[in-house]
mmCIF file of all heavy atoms, coordinates in Angstrom:
data_MODEL
# 
_entry.id   MODEL 
# 
loop_
_atom_site.group_PDB 
_atom_site.id 
_atom_site.type_symbol 
_atom_site.label_atom_id 
_atom_site.label_alt_id 
_atom_site.label_comp_id 
_atom_site.label_asym_id 
_atom_site.label_entity_id 
_atom_site.label_seq_id 
_atom_site.pdbx_PDB_ins_code 
_atom_site.Cartn_x 
_atom_site.Cartn_y 
_atom_site.Cartn_z 
_atom_site.occupancy 
_atom_site.B_iso_or_equiv 
_atom_site.pdbx_formal_charge 
_atom_site.auth_seq_id 
_atom_site.auth_comp_id 
_atom_site.auth_asym_id 
_atom_site.auth_atom_id 
_atom_site.pdbx_PDB_model_num 
ATOM 1   N N   . LYS A 1 1  ? -128.491 117.185 -109.807 1.00 0.00 ? 1  LYS A N   1 
ATOM 2   C CA  . LYS A 1 1  ? -129.707 117.989 -109.999 1.00 0.00 ? 1  LYS A CA  1 
ATOM 3   C C   . LYS A 1 1  ? -130.099 118.728 -108.729 1.00 0.00 ? 1  LYS A C   1 
ATOM 4   O O   . LYS A 1 1  ? -130.767 119.735 -108.784 1.00 0.00 ? 1  LYS A O   1 
ATOM 5   C CB  . LYS A 1 1  ? -130.866 117.067 -110.417 1.00 0.00 ? 1  LYS A CB  1 
ATOM 6   C CG  . LYS A 1 1  ? -130.719 116.582 -111.848 1.00 0.00 ? 1  LYS A CG  1 
ATOM 7   C CD  . LYS A 1 1  ? -131.889 115.730 -112.254 1.00 0.00 ? 1  LYS A CD  1 
ATOM 8   C CE  . LYS A 1 1  ? -131.916 114.420 -111.502 1.00 0.00 ? 1  LYS A CE  1 
ATOM 9   N NZ  . LYS A 1 1  ? -132.486 113.308 -112.232 1.00 0.00 ? 1  LYS A NZ  1 
ATOM 10  N N   . GLU A 1 2  ? -129.697 118.179 -107.591 1.00 0.00 ? 2  GLU A N   1 
ATOM 11  C CA  . GLU A 1 2  ? -130.145 118.770 -106.324 1.00 0.00 ? 2  GLU A CA  1 
ATOM 12  C C   . GLU A 1 2  ? -129.145 119.844 -105.892 1.00 0.00 ? 2  GLU A C   1 
ATOM 13  O O   . GLU A 1 2  ? -127.982 119.552 -105.684 1.00 0.00 ? 2  GLU A O   1 
ATOM 14  C CB  . GLU A 1 2  ? -130.188 117.647 -105.272 1.00 0.00 ? 2  GLU A CB  1 
ATOM 15  C CG  . GLU A 1 2  ? -130.682 118.097 -103.923 1.00 0.00 ? 2  GLU A CG  1 
ATOM 16  C CD  . GLU A 1 2  ? -130.495 116.990 -102.880 1.00 0.00 ? 2  GLU A CD  1 
ATOM 17  O OE1 . GLU A 1 2  ? -130.507 115.813 -103.234 1.00 0.00 ? 2  GLU A OE1 1 
ATOM 18  O OE2 . GLU A 1 2  ? -130.328 117.353 -101.713 1.00 0.00 ? 2  GLU A OE2 1 
ATOM 19  N N   . VAL A 1 3  ? -129.607 121.062 -105.793 1.00 0.00 ? 3  VAL A N   1 
ATOM 20  C CA  . VAL A 1 3  ? -128.727 122.119 -105.294 1.00 0.00 ? 3  VAL A CA  1 
ATOM 21  C C   . VAL A 1 3  ? -129.268 122.538 -103.944 1.00 0.00 ? 3  VAL A C   1 
ATOM 22  O O   . VAL A 1 3  ? -130.387 123.012 -103.825 1.00 0.00 ? 3  VAL A O   1 
ATOM 23  C CB  . VAL A 1 3  ? -128.694 123.341 -106.252 1.00 0.00 ? 3  VAL A CB  1 
ATOM 24  C CG1 . VAL A 1 3  ? -127.885 124.460 -105.638 1.00 0.00 ? 3  VAL A CG1 1 
ATOM 25  C CG2 . VAL A 1 3  ? -128.101 122.943 -107.587 1.00 0.00 ? 3  VAL A CG2 1 
ATOM 26  N N   . ASN A 1 4  ? -128.476 122.284 -102.921 1.00 0.00 ? 4  ASN A N   1 
ATOM 27  C CA  . ASN A 1 4  ? -128.928 122.592 -101.577 1.00 0.00 ? 4  ASN A CA  1 
ATOM 28  C C   . ASN A 1 4  ? -128.169 123.829 -101.096 1.00 0.00 ? 4  ASN A C   1 
ATOM 29  O O   . ASN A 1 4  ? -126.976 123.776 -100.858 1.00 0.00 ? 4  ASN A O   1 
ATOM 30  C CB  . ASN A 1 4  ? -128.633 121.375 -100.689 1.00 0.00 ? 4  ASN A CB  1 
ATOM 31  C CG  . ASN A 1 4  ? -129.069 121.598 -99.269  1.00 0.00 ? 4  ASN A CG  1 
ATOM 32  O OD1 . ASN A 1 4  ? -129.207 122.726 -98.822  1.00 0.00 ? 4  ASN A OD1 1 
ATOM 33  N ND2 . ASN A 1 4  ? -129.289 120.527 -98.558  1.00 0.00 ? 4  ASN A ND2 1 
ATOM 34  N N   . PHE A 1 5  ? -128.888 124.933 -100.964 1.00 0.00 ? 5  PHE A N   1 
ATOM 35  C CA  . PHE A 1 5  ? -128.224 126.188 -100.609 1.00 0.00 ? 5  PHE A CA  1 
ATOM 36  C C   . PHE A 1 5  ? -127.650 126.137 -99.201  1.00 0.00 ? 5  PHE A C   1 
ATOM 37  O O   . PHE A 1 5  ? -126.621 126.736 -98.923  1.00 0.00 ? 5  PHE A O   1 
ATOM 38  C CB  . PHE A 1 5  ? -129.181 127.372 -100.772 1.00 0.00 ? 5  PHE A CB  1 
ATOM 39  C CG  . PHE A 1 5  ? -129.535 127.593 -102.210 1.00 0.00 ? 5  PHE A CG  1 
ATOM 40  C CD1 . PHE A 1 5  ? -130.766 127.219 -102.719 1.00 0.00 ? 5  PHE A CD1 1 
ATOM 41  C CD2 . PHE A 1 5  ? -128.598 128.135 -103.091 1.00 0.00 ? 5  PHE A CD2 1 
ATOM 42  C CE1 . PHE A 1 5  ? -131.066 127.375 -104.060 1.00 0.00 ? 5  PHE A CE1 1 
ATOM 43  C CE2 . PHE A 1 5  ? -128.889 128.307 -104.441 1.00 0.00 ? 5  PHE A CE2 1 
ATOM 44  C CZ  . PHE A 1 5  ? -130.127 127.927 -104.926 1.00 0.00 ? 5  PHE A CZ  1 
ATOM 45  N N   . LEU A 1 6  ? -128.313 125.386 -98.318  1.00 0.00 ? 6  LEU A N   1 
ATOM 46  C CA  . LEU A 1 6  ? -127.779 125.283 -96.958  1.00 0.00 ? 6  LEU A CA  1 
ATOM 47  C C   . LEU A 1 6  ? -126.451 124.536 -96.982  1.00 0.00 ? 6  LEU A C   1 
ATOM 48  O O   . LEU A 1 6  ? -125.595 124.747 -96.145  1.00 0.00 ? 6  LEU A O   1 
ATOM 49  C CB  . LEU A 1 6  ? -128.769 124.570 -96.036  1.00 0.00 ? 6  LEU A CB  1 
ATOM 50  C CG  . LEU A 1 6  ? -129.872 125.479 -95.495  1.00 0.00 ? 6  LEU A CG  1 
ATOM 51  C CD1 . LEU A 1 6  ? -131.035 124.678 -94.971  1.00 0.00 ? 6  LEU A CD1 1 
ATOM 52  C CD2 . LEU A 1 6  ? -129.331 126.385 -94.397  1.00 0.00 ? 6  LEU A CD2 1 
ATOM 53  N N   . ARG A 1 7  ? -126.322 123.648 -97.968  1.00 0.00 ? 7  ARG A N   1 
ATOM 54  C CA  . ARG A 1 7  ? -125.066 122.914 -98.075  1.00 0.00 ? 7  ARG A CA  1 
ATOM 55  C C   . ARG A 1 7  ? -123.968 123.855 -98.562  1.00 0.00 ? 7  ARG A C   1 
ATOM 56  O O   . ARG A 1 7  ? -122.860 123.870 -98.073  1.00 0.00 ? 7  ARG A O   1 
ATOM 57  C CB  . ARG A 1 7  ? -125.225 121.760 -99.061  1.00 0.00 ? 7  ARG A CB  1 
ATOM 58  C CG  . ARG A 1 7  ? -123.988 120.891 -99.147  1.00 0.00 ? 7  ARG A CG  1 
ATOM 59  C CD  . ARG A 1 7  ? -124.146 119.784 -100.162 1.00 0.00 ? 7  ARG A CD  1 
ATOM 60  N NE  . ARG A 1 7  ? -123.711 120.223 -101.473 1.00 0.00 ? 7  ARG A NE  1 
ATOM 61  C CZ  . ARG A 1 7  ? -124.522 120.526 -102.468 1.00 0.00 ? 7  ARG A CZ  1 
ATOM 62  N NH1 . ARG A 1 7  ? -125.820 120.434 -102.321 1.00 0.00 ? 7  ARG A NH1 1 
ATOM 63  N NH2 . ARG A 1 7  ? -124.067 120.902 -103.629 1.00 0.00 ? 7  ARG A NH2 1 
ATOM 64  N N   . ARG A 1 8  ? -124.341 124.658 -99.551  1.00 0.00 ? 8  ARG A N   1 
ATOM 65  C CA  . ARG A 1 8  ? -123.339 125.504 -100.204 1.00 0.00 ? 8  ARG A CA  1 
ATOM 66  C C   . ARG A 1 8  ? -122.981 126.723 -99.357  1.00 0.00 ? 8  ARG A C   1 
ATOM 67  O O   . ARG A 1 8  ? -121.840 127.152 -99.333  1.00 0.00 ? 8  ARG A O   1 
ATOM 68  C CB  . ARG A 1 8  ? -123.926 125.966 -101.539 1.00 0.00 ? 8  ARG A CB  1 
ATOM 69  C CG  . ARG A 1 8  ? -122.886 126.212 -102.589 1.00 0.00 ? 8  ARG A CG  1 
ATOM 70  C CD  . ARG A 1 8  ? -123.523 126.529 -103.915 1.00 0.00 ? 8  ARG A CD  1 
ATOM 71  N NE  . ARG A 1 8  ? -124.457 127.643 -103.828 1.00 0.00 ? 8  ARG A NE  1 
ATOM 72  C CZ  . ARG A 1 8  ? -125.282 127.972 -104.797 1.00 0.00 ? 8  ARG A CZ  1 
ATOM 73  N NH1 . ARG A 1 8  ? -125.332 127.258 -105.893 1.00 0.00 ? 8  ARG A NH1 1 
ATOM 74  N NH2 . ARG A 1 8  ? -126.095 129.008 -104.673 1.00 0.00 ? 8  ARG A NH2 1 
ATOM 75  N N   . ASP A 1 9  ? -123.966 127.278 -98.708  1.00 0.00 ? 9  ASP A N   1 
ATOM 76  C CA  . ASP A 1 9  ? -123.762 128.560 -98.034  1.00 0.00 ? 9  ASP A CA  1 
ATOM 77  C C   . ASP A 1 9  ? -123.522 128.463 -96.539  1.00 0.00 ? 9  ASP A C   1 
ATOM 78  O O   . ASP A 1 9  ? -123.043 129.397 -95.940  1.00 0.00 ? 9  ASP A O   1 
ATOM 79  C CB  . ASP A 1 9  ? -124.965 129.487 -98.276  1.00 0.00 ? 9  ASP A CB  1 
ATOM 80  C CG  . ASP A 1 9  ? -125.222 129.721 -99.762  1.00 0.00 ? 9  ASP A CG  1 
ATOM 81  O OD1 . ASP A 1 9  ? -124.281 129.535 -100.544 1.00 0.00 ? 9  ASP A OD1 1 
ATOM 82  O OD2 . ASP A 1 9  ? -126.359 130.070 -100.122 1.00 0.00 ? 9  ASP A OD2 1 
ATOM 83  N N   . SER A 1 10 ? -123.896 127.361 -95.916  1.00 0.00 ? 10 SER A N   1 
ATOM 84  C CA  . SER A 1 10 ? -123.733 127.308 -94.470  1.00 0.00 ? 10 SER A CA  1 
ATOM 85  C C   . SER A 1 10 ? -122.349 126.789 -94.107  1.00 0.00 ? 10 SER A C   1 
ATOM 86  O O   . SER A 1 10 ? -121.727 126.043 -94.868  1.00 0.00 ? 10 SER A O   1 
ATOM 87  C CB  . SER A 1 10 ? -124.793 126.408 -93.833  1.00 0.00 ? 10 SER A CB  1 
ATOM 88  O OG  . SER A 1 10 ? -124.468 125.048 -94.057  1.00 0.00 ? 10 SER A OG  1 
ATOM 89  N N   . GLU A 1 11 ? -121.902 127.185 -92.943  1.00 0.00 ? 11 GLU A N   1 
ATOM 90  C CA  . GLU A 1 11 ? -120.589 126.741 -92.458  1.00 0.00 ? 11 GLU A CA  1 
ATOM 91  C C   . GLU A 1 11 ? -120.580 125.223 -92.314  1.00 0.00 ? 11 GLU A C   1 
ATOM 92  O O   . GLU A 1 11 ? -119.639 124.546 -92.746  1.00 0.00 ? 11 GLU A O   1 
ATOM 93  C CB  . GLU A 1 11 ? -120.319 127.415 -91.105  1.00 0.00 ? 11 GLU A CB  1 
ATOM 94  C CG  . GLU A 1 11 ? -118.944 127.115 -90.567  1.00 0.00 ? 11 GLU A CG  1 
ATOM 95  C CD  . GLU A 1 11 ? -118.762 127.636 -89.140  1.00 0.00 ? 11 GLU A CD  1 
ATOM 96  O OE1 . GLU A 1 11 ? -119.547 128.504 -88.697  1.00 0.00 ? 11 GLU A OE1 1 
ATOM 97  O OE2 . GLU A 1 11 ? -117.839 127.155 -88.466  1.00 0.00 ? 11 GLU A OE2 1 
ATOM 98  N N   . ALA A 1 12 ? -121.647 124.672 -91.732  1.00 0.00 ? 12 ALA A N   1 
ATOM 99  C CA  . ALA A 1 12 ? -121.712 123.213 -91.542  1.00 0.00 ? 12 ALA A CA  1 
ATOM 100 C C   . ALA A 1 12 ? -121.661 122.506 -92.892  1.00 0.00 ? 12 ALA A C   1 
ATOM 101 O O   . ALA A 1 12 ? -120.957 121.514 -93.066  1.00 0.00 ? 12 ALA A O   1 
ATOM 102 C CB  . ALA A 1 12 ? -122.985 122.831 -90.791  1.00 0.00 ? 12 ALA A CB  1 
ATOM 103 N N   . GLY A 1 13 ? -122.409 123.046 -93.875  1.00 0.00 ? 13 GLY A N   1 
ATOM 104 C CA  . GLY A 1 13 ? -122.445 122.446 -95.200  1.00 0.00 ? 13 GLY A CA  1 
ATOM 105 C C   . GLY A 1 13 ? -121.081 122.441 -95.868  1.00 0.00 ? 13 GLY A C   1 
ATOM 106 O O   . GLY A 1 13 ? -120.643 121.437 -96.428  1.00 0.00 ? 13 GLY A O   1 
ATOM 107 N N   . GLN A 1 14 ? -120.384 123.573 -95.776  1.00 0.00 ? 14 GLN A N   1 
ATOM 108 C CA  . GLN A 1 14 ? -119.049 123.662 -96.392  1.00 0.00 ? 14 GLN A CA  1 
ATOM 109 C C   . GLN A 1 14 ? -118.073 122.717 -95.715  1.00 0.00 ? 14 GLN A C   1 
ATOM 110 O O   . GLN A 1 14 ? -117.263 122.061 -96.369  1.00 0.00 ? 14 GLN A O   1 
ATOM 111 C CB  . GLN A 1 14 ? -118.539 125.103 -96.315  1.00 0.00 ? 14 GLN A CB  1 
ATOM 112 C CG  . GLN A 1 14 ? -119.288 126.017 -97.259  1.00 0.00 ? 14 GLN A CG  1 
ATOM 113 C CD  . GLN A 1 14 ? -118.640 127.389 -97.374  1.00 0.00 ? 14 GLN A CD  1 
ATOM 114 O OE1 . GLN A 1 14 ? -117.607 127.667 -96.771  1.00 0.00 ? 14 GLN A OE1 1 
ATOM 115 N NE2 . GLN A 1 14 ? -119.248 128.247 -98.143  1.00 0.00 ? 14 GLN A NE2 1 
ATOM 116 N N   . LYS A 1 15 ? -118.177 122.644 -94.378  1.00 0.00 ? 15 LYS A N   1 
ATOM 117 C CA  . LYS A 1 15 ? -117.252 121.770 -93.634  1.00 0.00 ? 15 LYS A CA  1 
ATOM 118 C C   . LYS A 1 15 ? -117.550 120.295 -93.902  1.00 0.00 ? 15 LYS A C   1 
ATOM 119 O O   . LYS A 1 15 ? -116.653 119.459 -93.838  1.00 0.00 ? 15 LYS A O   1 
ATOM 120 C CB  . LYS A 1 15 ? -117.317 122.083 -92.139  1.00 0.00 ? 15 LYS A CB  1 
ATOM 121 C CG  . LYS A 1 15 ? -116.596 123.377 -91.809  1.00 0.00 ? 15 LYS A CG  1 
ATOM 122 C CD  . LYS A 1 15 ? -116.740 123.775 -90.365  1.00 0.00 ? 15 LYS A CD  1 
ATOM 123 C CE  . LYS A 1 15 ? -115.912 125.013 -90.051  1.00 0.00 ? 15 LYS A CE  1 
ATOM 124 N NZ  . LYS A 1 15 ? -116.096 125.463 -88.672  1.00 0.00 ? 15 LYS A NZ  1 
ATOM 125 N N   . CYS A 1 16 ? -118.800 119.979 -94.216  1.00 0.00 ? 16 CYS A N   1 
ATOM 126 C CA  . CYS A 1 16 ? -119.155 118.605 -94.594  1.00 0.00 ? 16 CYS A CA  1 
ATOM 127 C C   . CYS A 1 16 ? -118.544 118.269 -95.946  1.00 0.00 ? 16 CYS A C   1 
ATOM 128 O O   . CYS A 1 16 ? -118.011 117.170 -96.144  1.00 0.00 ? 16 CYS A O   1 
ATOM 129 C CB  . CYS A 1 16 ? -120.668 118.430 -94.658  1.00 0.00 ? 16 CYS A CB  1 
ATOM 130 S SG  . CYS A 1 16 ? -121.428 118.290 -93.027  1.00 0.00 ? 16 CYS A SG  1 
ATOM 131 N N   . CYS A 1 17 ? -118.612 119.217 -96.888  1.00 0.00 ? 17 CYS A N   1 
ATOM 132 C CA  . CYS A 1 17 ? -118.018 119.004 -98.214  1.00 0.00 ? 17 CYS A CA  1 
ATOM 133 C C   . CYS A 1 17 ? -116.508 118.823 -98.090  1.00 0.00 ? 17 CYS A C   1 
ATOM 134 O O   . CYS A 1 17 ? -115.911 117.985 -98.764  1.00 0.00 ? 17 CYS A O   1 
ATOM 135 C CB  . CYS A 1 17 ? -118.336 120.174 -99.137  1.00 0.00 ? 17 CYS A CB  1 
ATOM 136 S SG  . CYS A 1 17 ? -120.077 120.212 -99.600  1.00 0.00 ? 17 CYS A SG  1 
ATOM 137 N N   . THR A 1 18 ? -115.898 119.613 -97.188  1.00 0.00 ? 18 THR A N   1 
ATOM 138 C CA  . THR A 1 18 ? -114.455 119.490 -96.958  1.00 0.00 ? 18 THR A CA  1 
ATOM 139 C C   . THR A 1 18 ? -114.135 118.138 -96.318  1.00 0.00 ? 18 THR A C   1 
ATOM 140 O O   . THR A 1 18 ? -113.140 117.498 -96.669  1.00 0.00 ? 18 THR A O   1 
ATOM 141 C CB  . THR A 1 18 ? -113.957 120.644 -96.062  1.00 0.00 ? 18 THR A CB  1 
ATOM 142 O OG1 . THR A 1 18 ? -114.188 121.876 -96.745  1.00 0.00 ? 18 THR A OG1 1 
ATOM 143 C CG2 . THR A 1 18 ? -112.474 120.518 -95.746  1.00 0.00 ? 18 THR A CG2 1 
ATOM 144 N N   . PHE A 1 19 ? -115.000 117.690 -95.402  1.00 0.00 ? 19 PHE A N   1 
ATOM 145 C CA  . PHE A 1 19 ? -114.810 116.380 -94.773  1.00 0.00 ? 19 PHE A CA  1 
ATOM 146 C C   . PHE A 1 19 ? -114.825 115.286 -95.839  1.00 0.00 ? 19 PHE A C   1 
ATOM 147 O O   . PHE A 1 19 ? -113.984 114.392 -95.856  1.00 0.00 ? 19 PHE A O   1 
ATOM 148 C CB  . PHE A 1 19 ? -115.906 116.137 -93.720  1.00 0.00 ? 19 PHE A CB  1 
ATOM 149 C CG  . PHE A 1 19 ? -115.925 114.730 -93.146  1.00 0.00 ? 19 PHE A CG  1 
ATOM 150 C CD1 . PHE A 1 19 ? -114.774 114.164 -92.612  1.00 0.00 ? 19 PHE A CD1 1 
ATOM 151 C CD2 . PHE A 1 19 ? -117.103 113.994 -93.135  1.00 0.00 ? 19 PHE A CD2 1 
ATOM 152 C CE1 . PHE A 1 19 ? -114.795 112.866 -92.081  1.00 0.00 ? 19 PHE A CE1 1 
ATOM 153 C CE2 . PHE A 1 19 ? -117.131 112.704 -92.607  1.00 0.00 ? 19 PHE A CE2 1 
ATOM 154 C CZ  . PHE A 1 19 ? -115.978 112.139 -92.074  1.00 0.00 ? 19 PHE A CZ  1 
ATOM 155 N N   . GLN A 1 20 ? -115.772 115.388 -96.793  1.00 0.00 ? 20 GLN A N   1 
ATOM 156 C CA  . GLN A 1 20 ? -115.840 114.402 -97.872  1.00 0.00 ? 20 GLN A CA  1 
ATOM 157 C C   . GLN A 1 20 ? -114.541 114.415 -98.676  1.00 0.00 ? 20 GLN A C   1 
ATOM 158 O O   . GLN A 1 20 ? -113.992 113.357 -99.002  1.00 0.00 ? 20 GLN A O   1 
ATOM 159 C CB  . GLN A 1 20 ? -117.020 114.711 -98.801  1.00 0.00 ? 20 GLN A CB  1 
ATOM 160 C CG  . GLN A 1 20 ? -118.372 114.422 -98.169  1.00 0.00 ? 20 GLN A CG  1 
ATOM 161 C CD  . GLN A 1 20 ? -119.476 114.526 -99.212  1.00 0.00 ? 20 GLN A CD  1 
ATOM 162 O OE1 . GLN A 1 20 ? -119.744 115.610 -99.722  1.00 0.00 ? 20 GLN A OE1 1 
ATOM 163 N NE2 . GLN A 1 20 ? -120.097 113.411 -99.528  1.00 0.00 ? 20 GLN A NE2 1 
ATOM 164 N N   . HIS A 1 21 ? -114.058 115.609 -98.993  1.00 0.00 ? 21 HIS A N   1 
ATOM 165 C CA  . HIS A 1 21 ? -112.831 115.758 -99.777  1.00 0.00 ? 21 HIS A CA  1 
ATOM 166 C C   . HIS A 1 21 ? -111.641 115.181 -98.995  1.00 0.00 ? 21 HIS A C   1 
ATOM 167 O O   . HIS A 1 21 ? -110.795 114.470 -99.547  1.00 0.00 ? 21 HIS A O   1 
ATOM 168 C CB  . HIS A 1 21 ? -112.614 117.247 -100.096 1.00 0.00 ? 21 HIS A CB  1 
ATOM 169 C CG  . HIS A 1 21 ? -111.493 117.510 -101.056 1.00 0.00 ? 21 HIS A CG  1 
ATOM 170 N ND1 . HIS A 1 21 ? -111.254 118.761 -101.586 1.00 0.00 ? 21 HIS A ND1 1 
ATOM 171 C CD2 . HIS A 1 21 ? -110.528 116.699 -101.565 1.00 0.00 ? 21 HIS A CD2 1 
ATOM 172 C CE1 . HIS A 1 21 ? -110.195 118.709 -102.392 1.00 0.00 ? 21 HIS A CE1 1 
ATOM 173 N NE2 . HIS A 1 21 ? -109.733 117.455 -102.391 1.00 0.00 ? 21 HIS A NE2 1 
ATOM 174 N N   . TRP A 1 22 ? -111.588 115.461 -97.701  1.00 0.00 ? 22 TRP A N   1 
ATOM 175 C CA  . TRP A 1 22 ? -110.496 114.990 -96.839  1.00 0.00 ? 22 TRP A CA  1 
ATOM 176 C C   . TRP A 1 22 ? -110.446 113.462 -96.809  1.00 0.00 ? 22 TRP A C   1 
ATOM 177 O O   . TRP A 1 22 ? -109.387 112.858 -96.983  1.00 0.00 ? 22 TRP A O   1 
ATOM 178 C CB  . TRP A 1 22 ? -110.693 115.576 -95.438  1.00 0.00 ? 22 TRP A CB  1 
ATOM 179 C CG  . TRP A 1 22 ? -109.630 115.192 -94.456  1.00 0.00 ? 22 TRP A CG  1 
ATOM 180 C CD1 . TRP A 1 22 ? -108.437 115.833 -94.242  1.00 0.00 ? 22 TRP A CD1 1 
ATOM 181 C CD2 . TRP A 1 22 ? -109.666 114.084 -93.541  1.00 0.00 ? 22 TRP A CD2 1 
ATOM 182 N NE1 . TRP A 1 22 ? -107.733 115.185 -93.256  1.00 0.00 ? 22 TRP A NE1 1 
ATOM 183 C CE2 . TRP A 1 22 ? -108.450 114.119 -92.803  1.00 0.00 ? 22 TRP A CE2 1 
ATOM 184 C CE3 . TRP A 1 22 ? -110.598 113.086 -93.267  1.00 0.00 ? 22 TRP A CE3 1 
ATOM 185 C CZ2 . TRP A 1 22 ? -108.153 113.177 -91.814  1.00 0.00 ? 22 TRP A CZ2 1 
ATOM 186 C CZ3 . TRP A 1 22 ? -110.296 112.145 -92.289  1.00 0.00 ? 22 TRP A CZ3 1 
ATOM 187 C CH2 . TRP A 1 22 ? -109.086 112.187 -91.570  1.00 0.00 ? 22 TRP A CH2 1 
ATOM 188 N N   . VAL A 1 23 ? -111.624 112.825 -96.624  1.00 0.00 ? 23 VAL A N   1 
ATOM 189 C CA  . VAL A 1 23 ? -111.686 111.358 -96.585  1.00 0.00 ? 23 VAL A CA  1 
ATOM 190 C C   . VAL A 1 23 ? -111.287 110.790 -97.944  1.00 0.00 ? 23 VAL A C   1 
ATOM 191 O O   . VAL A 1 23 ? -110.523 109.824 -98.033  1.00 0.00 ? 23 VAL A O   1 
ATOM 192 C CB  . VAL A 1 23 ? -113.101 110.856 -96.184  1.00 0.00 ? 23 VAL A CB  1 
ATOM 193 C CG1 . VAL A 1 23 ? -113.244 109.356 -96.418  1.00 0.00 ? 23 VAL A CG1 1 
ATOM 194 C CG2 . VAL A 1 23 ? -113.401 111.187 -94.737  1.00 0.00 ? 23 VAL A CG2 1 
ATOM 195 N N   . TYR A 1 24 ? -111.788 111.420 -99.007  1.00 0.00 ? 24 TYR A N   1 
ATOM 196 C CA  . TYR A 1 24 ? -111.488 110.980 -100.376 1.00 0.00 ? 24 TYR A CA  1 
ATOM 197 C C   . TYR A 1 24 ? -109.969 110.992 -100.599 1.00 0.00 ? 24 TYR A C   1 
ATOM 198 O O   . TYR A 1 24 ? -109.400 110.040 -101.122 1.00 0.00 ? 24 TYR A O   1 
ATOM 199 C CB  . TYR A 1 24 ? -112.204 111.904 -101.369 1.00 0.00 ? 24 TYR A CB  1 
ATOM 200 C CG  . TYR A 1 24 ? -111.868 111.643 -102.815 1.00 0.00 ? 24 TYR A CG  1 
ATOM 201 C CD1 . TYR A 1 24 ? -112.589 110.702 -103.552 1.00 0.00 ? 24 TYR A CD1 1 
ATOM 202 C CD2 . TYR A 1 24 ? -110.835 112.323 -103.451 1.00 0.00 ? 24 TYR A CD2 1 
ATOM 203 C CE1 . TYR A 1 24 ? -112.278 110.453 -104.890 1.00 0.00 ? 24 TYR A CE1 1 
ATOM 204 C CE2 . TYR A 1 24 ? -110.525 112.084 -104.772 1.00 0.00 ? 24 TYR A CE2 1 
ATOM 205 C CZ  . TYR A 1 24 ? -111.241 111.140 -105.491 1.00 0.00 ? 24 TYR A CZ  1 
ATOM 206 O OH  . TYR A 1 24 ? -110.930 110.891 -106.801 1.00 0.00 ? 24 TYR A OH  1 
# 
């Protein structure tokens, strides 16, 4: 339900999502 635009649009946010994927 939570859509965080800073997560989706910021470089740090995208790299955090990639970090999660990498660890997974």
